[in-house]
Amino acid sequence: YDVTRRETFTNLSDVWAKEVELYSTNEDCVKILVGNKIDRESERAVSKEEGIELAKELGCTFIECSAKTGQNVQQCFEDLALKIMEVRSLLEKGSTGGKGDILKRKVPHNLERGRESGGRPPPDCCA
């Protein structure tokens, strides 16, 4: 959410959280709540404390960052990766969707054909 726009924060619990629960294909789904644009502190409309509280309610990890300055951006991804590593079922099963296990998907058929013909993809691939 954008810390300078309250409606983006409000939409988290009204819309986003419900959609994650509805469409998630893994009950052990790892979620992280990220407040962005902390470089615009004078325009802040959502306090850090409000973010922390909502994250607790939603069962999420919480962090604030600034995509503009890069502050905590790397940390967002590191925190998420560490949380995923803590959930054994995600490491064993991966995430499943309508088309099967995402972590175990096969190489597309046209790429496989390219490998058979000398390791390069076919000319109609990957343009």
Protein backbone atom coordinates (compact mmCIF):
# COMPACT_ATOMS: atom_id res chain seq x y z
CA TYR A 1 0.00 0.00 0.00
CA ASP A 2 0.97 3.63 -0.46
CA VAL A 3 1.54 5.27 2.96
CA THR A 4 0.48 8.61 1.45
CA ARG A 5 -2.92 7.34 0.25
CA ARG A 6 -5.27 5.99 2.92
CA GLU A 7 -7.60 4.37 0.37
CA THR A 8 -4.84 1.97 -0.68
CA PHE A 9 -4.55 0.89 2.96
CA THR A 10 -8.32 0.58 3.39
CA ASN A 11 -8.54 -1.59 0.28
CA LEU A 12 -6.17 -4.10 1.88
CA SER A 13 -8.71 -5.39 4.36
CA ASP A 14 -11.79 -4.62 2.27
CA VAL A 15 -10.60 -6.20 -0.99
CA TRP A 16 -7.07 -7.60 -1.14
CA ALA A 17 -7.11 -9.82 1.96
CA LYS A 18 -10.42 -11.38 0.92
CA GLU A 19 -9.13 -12.07 -2.59
CA VAL A 20 -5.97 -13.72 -1.27
CA GLU A 21 -8.06 -16.03 0.89
CA LEU A 22 -10.45 -16.76 -1.97
CA TYR A 23 -7.87 -17.43 -4.70
CA SER A 24 -4.89 -18.79 -2.78
CA THR A 25 -4.14 -22.37 -3.78
CA ASN A 26 -2.12 -23.14 -0.66
CA GLU A 27 -3.42 -22.82 2.88
CA ASP A 28 0.14 -22.07 4.03
CA CYS A 29 0.39 -19.01 1.78
CA VAL A 30 3.02 -16.57 3.05
CA LYS A 31 1.93 -12.93 3.03
CA ILE A 32 3.87 -9.75 3.61
CA LEU A 33 2.28 -6.34 4.06
CA VAL A 34 4.45 -3.63 2.52
CA GLY A 35 3.94 0.08 3.07
CA ASN A 36 5.65 2.00 0.27
CA LYS A 37 6.73 5.63 -0.24
CA ILE A 38 8.21 6.20 3.22
CA ASP A 39 10.48 8.78 1.58
CA ARG A 40 7.40 11.06 1.54
CA GLU A 41 7.05 11.25 5.32
CA SER A 42 5.48 14.73 5.30
CA GLU A 43 2.63 13.36 3.15
CA ARG A 44 2.04 10.25 5.25
CA ALA A 45 -1.64 9.36 5.66
CA VAL A 46 -1.18 5.92 7.28
CA SER A 47 0.96 5.51 10.39
CA LYS A 48 3.47 2.72 10.79
CA GLU A 49 1.53 1.57 13.85
CA GLU A 50 -1.63 1.16 11.75
CA GLY A 51 0.32 -0.98 9.30
CA ILE A 52 1.71 -3.14 12.07
CA GLU A 53 -1.77 -3.61 13.55
CA LEU A 54 -3.33 -4.59 10.21
CA ALA A 55 -0.49 -7.02 9.53
CA LYS A 56 -1.21 -8.70 12.87
CA GLU A 57 -4.91 -8.94 12.03
CA LEU A 58 -4.16 -10.46 8.61
CA GLY A 59 -1.41 -12.77 9.87
CA CYS A 60 1.25 -11.07 7.74
CA THR A 61 4.81 -9.96 8.13
CA PHE A 62 5.09 -6.15 7.97
CA ILE A 63 7.70 -3.81 6.55
CA GLU A 64 7.83 -0.31 5.14
CA CYS A 65 10.04 0.72 2.25
CA SER A 66 10.74 3.31 -0.41
CA ALA A 67 10.96 2.11 -3.98
CA LYS A 68 12.29 5.56 -4.90
CA THR A 69 15.28 5.54 -2.53
CA GLY A 70 15.61 1.76 -2.28
CA GLN A 71 15.28 1.84 1.50
CA ASN A 72 14.23 -1.63 2.75
CA VAL A 73 13.34 -2.90 -0.75
CA GLN A 74 15.90 -5.72 -0.60
CA GLN A 75 14.78 -6.46 2.96
CA CYS A 76 11.18 -6.99 1.76
CA PHE A 77 12.28 -9.80 -0.53
CA GLU A 78 14.69 -11.28 2.01
CA ASP A 79 12.00 -11.34 4.70
CA LEU A 80 9.54 -12.98 2.32
CA ALA A 81 12.07 -15.60 1.21
CA LEU A 82 12.96 -16.42 4.81
CA LYS A 83 9.29 -16.83 5.73
CA ILE A 84 8.76 -19.15 2.76
CA MET A 85 11.77 -21.21 3.85
CA GLU A 86 10.18 -21.61 7.29
CA VAL A 87 7.02 -23.21 5.86
CA ARG A 88 7.92 -26.83 5.25
CA SER A 89 4.84 -27.58 3.14
CA LEU A 90 5.81 -24.89 0.63
CA LEU A 91 9.24 -26.40 0.20
CA GLU A 92 7.89 -29.93 -0.16
CA LYS A 93 4.83 -29.35 -2.35
CA GLY A 94 5.49 -25.95 -3.85
CA SER A 95 2.51 -23.88 -4.85
CA THR A 96 -0.21 -25.44 -6.91
CA GLY A 97 -2.45 -23.65 -9.32
CA GLY A 98 -4.94 -24.56 -11.97
CA LYS A 99 -2.21 -25.92 -14.22
CA GLY A 100 -0.36 -28.01 -11.66
CA ASP A 101 2.69 -27.64 -9.48
CA ILE A 102 4.39 -24.35 -10.30
CA LEU A 103 7.77 -25.39 -8.93
CA LYS A 104 7.82 -28.57 -11.03
CA ARG A 105 6.51 -27.27 -14.34
CA LYS A 106 8.07 -28.70 -17.44
CA VAL A 107 9.94 -26.76 -20.07
CA PRO A 108 7.55 -25.62 -22.82
CA HIS A 109 7.44 -28.08 -25.71
CA ASN A 110 8.88 -25.66 -28.26
CA LEU A 111 11.92 -24.98 -26.02
CA GLU A 112 12.47 -28.70 -25.53
CA ARG A 113 12.55 -29.18 -29.31
CA GLY A 114 15.19 -26.47 -29.51
CA ARG A 115 17.41 -28.28 -27.06
CA GLU A 116 17.18 -31.45 -29.13
CA SER A 117 18.45 -29.60 -32.18
CA GLY A 118 21.75 -28.41 -30.80
CA GLY A 119 20.82 -26.51 -27.67
CA ARG A 120 19.29 -23.45 -29.30
CA PRO A 121 15.62 -22.57 -29.22
CA PRO A 122 13.78 -22.84 -32.54
CA PRO A 123 13.60 -19.68 -34.67
CA ASP A 124 9.90 -19.17 -33.88
CA CYS A 125 10.60 -19.10 -30.14
CA CYS A 126 11.54 -16.34 -27.77
CA ALA A 127 11.43 -13.47 -30.25
